[in-house]
Structures are given as C-alpha cells and as structure tokens.
Amino acid sequence: MRVLIIEDNPDIAANLGDYLEDRGHVVDFAGDGVTGLHLAVVEDFDAIVLDLALPGMDGLEVCRKLRHEAGKTTPVLMLTARDRLEDKIAGFERGADDYLVKPFALQEVEVRLLALTRRGRRADSRVLKVGDLHYDLDSLEVHRAGEGIELNPIGLKLLACLMEASPNVVTRAELEKEVWGEELPDSDSLRVHIHSLRALIDKPFGSKMIQTRHGIGYRLVEPDAVSPQAS
C-alpha cells in the first residue's frame, strides 16, 4: 500500500511513517496543505492520511479540491484533534472517507487504511493495483510496468488472492483453499505454482514483489517495500 501522509506535526508524521514502513508500506510526506494537494493530484496513492489543521490550506479545503476540482477518488482518512459531531460532518461533506480523532493508536490507522483501500479496489472497475502491477478482474489482463503478462487460471487465482490481501501474508492453507477448494493437491503443488508466478511477475523486472514467509505462507508487496532478506 502506498500512502501519502499530509501532516504538519513532524513527530506525528514520523511515528506514522515509521510504523507503516515497518509494516511493509511505502510512505510519502507533505507538511502543508498546498504541497499535500499537489502530491495527491499528480501521484497515485492507495490512501491518504490527512490532518485537518494544516498551514497554507486546511484539510477540509484540501479534501474538497481533491474531490471536486481534481476528481480524485483516493481514499482519505482524516486526522484531527476536533471531536465534535459538526467537525466530523464537515469532513465527510468535503469527501473524507473515514475520520480518526487524536490521539490514536498506530495499529488502528493501518487497519482503517487497509479497509479503505480494499473498499476502493472493489469500486475501481475491479482492477487490483499493487505498485506497478495491475490485474483487471473483468478482462483477466495482467500488466506490470505497462507490459502484459500471460498467466494460467491457477496463476490468476493466486495473484488475485495475494493482491487483495497485500501487503499482508496469506497462509498456505488459505491459498490452497482459494485455488483448489476442498480437493487439496499434493504438498508441492502450491510451491510449484508460486515459483511459476514469480518467474513471470518478478524475474523479468529485476525486482521482487512476492515474498515467502517460511512455515506460514506468502505475501505480495510493492517493489520498494521488499526487505533485503526476503526470499
């Protein structure tokens, strides 16, 4: 998940960024409303964390311009110290998707962002996106960095499962049930198909997106989020 944090408090921004990056997400920052709006318009993010009280342009105006002038539908989680109902209503009226009052738990921020991005993916003409990897669930077309990738039916099922859960780990049992249902294959089948998927998704592009969590399962992350020791 690629997240834009628009927050003028450097401590809050750093804490959020460190936590999300440690969890495998890619994070960009803006310390004022004008810069934040510019980044939100010209770049593609999976979600935006938007502070309400910002220098230059407040969060309400950033959200309004993002929705009504730029036409961007990127999910927005608004952060604020204001807990009045009127403030929350104002945020939703400007186009915010969710609202979190300070102080907040970092884990809750991630959970809410993941929920927003899953909801956004379902609404986005059934196109799954992780980094430069796109999978159109209607046409069954897969592209990475603009190049088409031909996958067999099992590869498509595995890819959809991994992309929908990204960047979280999907267990071996979950993947096997998603692909084969109750008629499970022999123990090596999943490993073989993951190997084939890697050969098409990762190898030609020089950067890995599919990680193994030994003894647990697999996950798919943006290339920048792959740790050096990941296999």
Protein backbone atom coordinates (compact mmCIF):
# COMPACT_ATOMS: atom_id res chain seq x y z
CA MET A 1 0.00 0.00 0.00
CA ARG A 2 1.35 3.42 -0.98
CA VAL A 3 0.27 6.09 1.50
CA LEU A 4 0.55 9.90 1.46
CA ILE A 5 0.72 11.47 4.93
CA ILE A 6 -0.23 15.17 4.97
CA GLU A 7 0.64 16.26 8.49
CA ASP A 8 2.46 19.37 9.75
CA ASN A 9 3.47 17.88 13.12
CA PRO A 10 6.87 16.24 12.40
CA ASP A 11 6.64 13.88 15.37
CA ILE A 12 3.22 12.55 14.39
CA ALA A 13 4.26 12.23 10.74
CA ALA A 14 7.47 10.41 11.68
CA ASN A 15 5.69 7.99 14.03
CA LEU A 16 3.07 7.19 11.41
CA GLY A 17 5.63 6.83 8.65
CA ASP A 18 7.97 4.60 10.66
CA TYR A 19 5.13 2.32 11.73
CA LEU A 20 3.66 1.95 8.25
CA GLU A 21 7.07 1.43 6.60
CA ASP A 22 7.94 -1.23 9.18
CA ARG A 23 4.71 -2.95 8.18
CA GLY A 24 5.82 -3.05 4.52
CA HIS A 25 4.02 0.01 3.17
CA VAL A 26 5.52 2.81 1.06
CA VAL A 27 5.06 6.29 2.53
CA ASP A 28 5.38 9.84 1.17
CA PHE A 29 5.04 13.02 3.22
CA ALA A 30 3.81 16.58 2.92
CA GLY A 31 3.98 19.15 5.73
CA ASP A 32 1.40 21.63 4.42
CA GLY A 33 -1.88 21.61 2.55
CA VAL A 34 -0.65 23.07 -0.73
CA THR A 35 2.17 20.56 -1.13
CA GLY A 36 -0.08 17.73 0.01
CA LEU A 37 -2.76 18.58 -2.54
CA HIS A 38 -0.18 18.78 -5.32
CA LEU A 39 1.24 15.33 -4.48
CA ALA A 40 -2.23 13.84 -4.10
CA VAL A 41 -3.22 15.10 -7.56
CA VAL A 42 -0.09 14.28 -9.58
CA GLU A 43 0.82 10.96 -7.92
CA ASP A 44 -1.16 7.75 -7.48
CA PHE A 45 -1.64 6.69 -3.86
CA ASP A 46 -3.69 3.88 -2.38
CA ALA A 47 -4.73 6.07 0.56
CA ILE A 48 -4.16 9.50 2.09
CA VAL A 49 -3.82 10.36 5.78
CA LEU A 50 -4.92 13.99 6.02
CA ASP A 51 -4.58 16.25 9.04
CA LEU A 52 -7.34 18.81 9.46
CA ALA A 53 -5.28 21.75 10.79
CA LEU A 54 -2.60 22.44 8.16
CA PRO A 55 -0.62 25.54 7.16
CA GLY A 56 -1.28 27.05 3.74
CA MET A 57 -4.56 25.20 3.18
CA ASP A 58 -6.53 23.29 5.80
CA GLY A 59 -7.51 19.65 5.43
CA LEU A 60 -11.13 20.42 4.61
CA GLU A 61 -10.12 22.56 1.64
CA VAL A 62 -7.53 20.01 0.51
CA CYS A 63 -10.19 17.32 0.53
CA ARG A 64 -12.73 19.50 -1.27
CA LYS A 65 -10.29 20.43 -4.04
CA LEU A 66 -9.11 16.84 -4.35
CA ARG A 67 -12.65 15.58 -4.89
CA HIS A 68 -14.46 18.40 -6.69
CA GLU A 69 -11.70 20.07 -8.70
CA ALA A 70 -9.18 17.28 -9.34
CA GLY A 71 -11.76 14.48 -9.46
CA LYS A 72 -9.53 12.11 -7.48
CA THR A 73 -11.18 9.24 -5.62
CA THR A 74 -8.19 8.20 -3.48
CA PRO A 75 -9.49 7.11 -0.04
CA VAL A 76 -8.90 9.79 2.62
CA LEU A 77 -8.53 9.14 6.35
CA MET A 78 -8.84 12.47 8.14
CA LEU A 79 -6.96 13.03 11.39
CA THR A 80 -7.92 15.77 13.82
CA ALA A 81 -7.98 16.82 17.45
CA ARG A 82 -11.55 18.08 16.92
CA ASP A 83 -14.09 15.52 18.11
CA ARG A 84 -17.32 17.49 17.70
CA LEU A 85 -20.01 15.98 15.52
CA GLU A 86 -20.12 19.16 13.41
CA ASP A 87 -16.41 18.79 12.58
CA LYS A 88 -16.85 15.18 11.53
CA ILE A 89 -19.85 16.05 9.36
CA ALA A 90 -17.83 18.85 7.71
CA GLY A 91 -15.08 16.38 6.89
CA PHE A 92 -17.43 13.85 5.34
CA GLU A 93 -19.19 16.57 3.37
CA ARG A 94 -15.86 17.58 1.82
CA GLY A 95 -15.22 14.00 0.71
CA ALA A 96 -13.36 12.27 3.56
CA ASP A 97 -13.91 8.50 3.75
CA ASP A 98 -13.07 8.00 7.42
CA TYR A 99 -12.31 10.09 10.48
CA LEU A 100 -9.92 9.43 13.39
CA VAL A 101 -9.56 11.67 16.45
CA LYS A 102 -6.16 12.32 18.02
CA PRO A 103 -4.61 10.73 19.98
CA PHE A 104 -4.89 7.49 18.07
CA ALA A 105 -3.30 4.05 18.02
CA LEU A 106 -0.93 3.47 15.11
CA GLN A 107 -2.33 0.00 14.58
CA GLU A 108 -5.83 1.44 14.18
CA VAL A 109 -4.58 3.83 11.49
CA GLU A 110 -3.21 0.91 9.47
CA VAL A 111 -6.37 -1.19 9.93
CA ARG A 112 -8.57 1.67 8.77
CA LEU A 113 -6.34 2.41 5.77
CA LEU A 114 -6.36 -1.24 4.70
CA ALA A 115 -10.16 -1.31 4.96
CA LEU A 116 -10.42 1.85 2.86
CA THR A 117 -8.07 0.54 0.16
CA ARG A 118 -9.93 -2.78 -0.07
CA ARG A 119 -13.18 -0.89 -0.47
CA GLY A 120 -11.59 1.35 -3.10
CA ARG A 121 -10.23 -1.59 -5.07
CA ARG A 122 -13.66 -3.18 -5.25
CA ALA A 123 -15.14 0.07 -6.58
CA ASP A 124 -12.35 0.75 -9.08
CA SER A 125 -13.84 -1.21 -12.00
CA ARG A 126 -12.49 -4.41 -10.42
CA VAL A 127 -8.87 -3.54 -11.09
CA LEU A 128 -6.36 -4.65 -8.46
CA LYS A 129 -3.26 -2.48 -8.15
CA VAL A 130 -0.08 -3.00 -6.14
CA GLY A 131 2.74 -0.72 -7.19
CA ASP A 132 3.23 -1.06 -10.95
CA LEU A 133 1.35 -4.37 -11.05
CA HIS A 134 -2.25 -4.19 -12.33
CA TYR A 135 -4.78 -7.02 -12.64
CA ASP A 136 -8.15 -6.38 -14.31
CA LEU A 137 -10.52 -8.95 -12.83
CA ASP A 138 -13.03 -8.49 -15.65
CA SER A 139 -10.72 -8.87 -18.65
CA LEU A 140 -8.25 -11.14 -16.76
CA GLU A 141 -5.42 -8.98 -18.11
CA VAL A 142 -2.27 -8.57 -16.00
CA HIS A 143 0.32 -5.83 -16.56
CA ARG A 144 3.49 -4.87 -14.75
CA ALA A 145 5.28 -1.64 -15.67
CA GLY A 146 2.97 -1.46 -18.68
CA GLU A 147 3.97 -4.88 -20.03
CA GLY A 148 1.36 -7.61 -20.47
CA ILE A 149 1.80 -10.89 -18.56
CA GLU A 150 0.10 -14.14 -19.56
CA LEU A 151 -0.97 -16.28 -16.60
CA ASN A 152 -2.79 -19.61 -16.48
CA PRO A 153 -6.03 -19.94 -14.44
CA ILE A 154 -4.24 -21.08 -11.28
CA GLY A 155 -1.72 -18.26 -11.56
CA LEU A 156 -4.57 -15.77 -11.91
CA LYS A 157 -6.31 -17.11 -8.80
CA LEU A 158 -3.10 -16.98 -6.76
CA LEU A 159 -2.31 -13.47 -7.96
CA ALA A 160 -5.80 -12.16 -7.13
CA CYS A 161 -5.63 -13.63 -3.65
CA LEU A 162 -2.19 -12.16 -2.95
CA MET A 163 -3.04 -8.74 -4.40
CA GLU A 164 -6.33 -8.43 -2.50
CA ALA A 165 -4.54 -9.19 0.78
CA SER A 166 -1.42 -7.09 0.03
CA PRO A 167 0.74 -6.34 1.95
CA ASN A 168 -0.49 -8.90 4.45
CA VAL A 169 0.61 -12.54 4.49
CA VAL A 170 -1.72 -15.19 3.05
CA THR A 171 -1.23 -18.60 4.62
CA ARG A 172 -0.56 -21.71 2.56
CA ALA A 173 -3.90 -23.16 3.69
CA GLU A 174 -5.79 -20.04 2.57
CA LEU A 175 -4.13 -20.05 -0.85
CA GLU A 176 -4.75 -23.75 -1.37
CA LYS A 177 -8.42 -23.42 -0.42
CA GLU A 178 -8.84 -20.38 -2.71
CA VAL A 179 -7.39 -22.22 -5.71
CA TRP A 180 -8.44 -25.84 -5.20
CA GLY A 181 -11.33 -25.65 -2.76
CA GLU A 182 -11.77 -28.75 -0.61
CA GLU A 183 -9.92 -31.04 -3.05
CA LEU A 184 -6.42 -30.12 -1.97
CA PRO A 185 -3.45 -31.09 -4.19
CA ASP A 186 -0.24 -32.74 -3.10
CA SER A 187 2.06 -30.77 -0.82
CA ASP A 188 4.38 -29.48 -3.57
CA SER A 189 1.75 -28.08 -5.95
CA LEU A 190 1.41 -24.67 -4.33
CA ARG A 191 5.18 -24.19 -4.18
CA VAL A 192 5.50 -25.09 -7.86
CA HIS A 193 2.78 -22.64 -8.90
CA ILE A 194 4.25 -19.85 -6.76
CA HIS A 195 7.61 -20.49 -8.42
CA SER A 196 5.98 -20.17 -11.84
CA LEU A 197 4.18 -16.99 -10.78
CA ARG A 198 7.46 -15.46 -9.59
CA ALA A 199 9.10 -16.30 -12.90
CA LEU A 200 6.52 -14.15 -14.67
CA ILE A 201 5.79 -11.41 -12.12
CA ASP A 202 9.22 -10.84 -10.58
CA LYS A 203 12.11 -12.22 -12.62
CA PRO A 204 11.73 -10.22 -15.88
CA PHE A 205 11.51 -6.93 -13.98
CA GLY A 206 14.55 -7.24 -11.75
CA SER A 207 12.68 -6.57 -8.51
CA LYS A 208 10.74 -8.94 -6.28
CA MET A 209 7.15 -8.47 -5.20
CA ILE A 210 6.34 -11.96 -3.92
CA GLN A 211 7.81 -12.82 -0.52
CA THR A 212 7.92 -16.16 1.28
CA ARG A 213 7.18 -16.30 4.99
CA HIS A 214 8.71 -19.67 5.79
CA GLY A 215 6.36 -22.02 7.54
CA ILE A 216 3.46 -19.57 7.13
CA GLY A 217 2.71 -18.54 3.56
CA TYR A 218 3.33 -15.74 1.06
CA ARG A 219 2.67 -12.06 0.56
CA LEU A 220 2.87 -9.61 -2.33
CA VAL A 221 4.26 -6.11 -1.75
CA GLU A 222 5.36 -3.10 -3.75
CA PRO A 223 8.95 -3.46 -5.02
CA ASP A 224 10.29 -0.69 -2.76
CA ALA A 225 8.86 -2.45 0.28
CA VAL A 226 10.72 -5.76 -0.20
CA SER A 227 13.27 -6.25 2.54
CA PRO A 228 16.82 -7.31 1.56
CA GLN A 229 16.49 -10.65 3.35
CA ALA A 230 13.11 -11.53 1.80
CA SER A 231 13.07 -14.66 -0.35
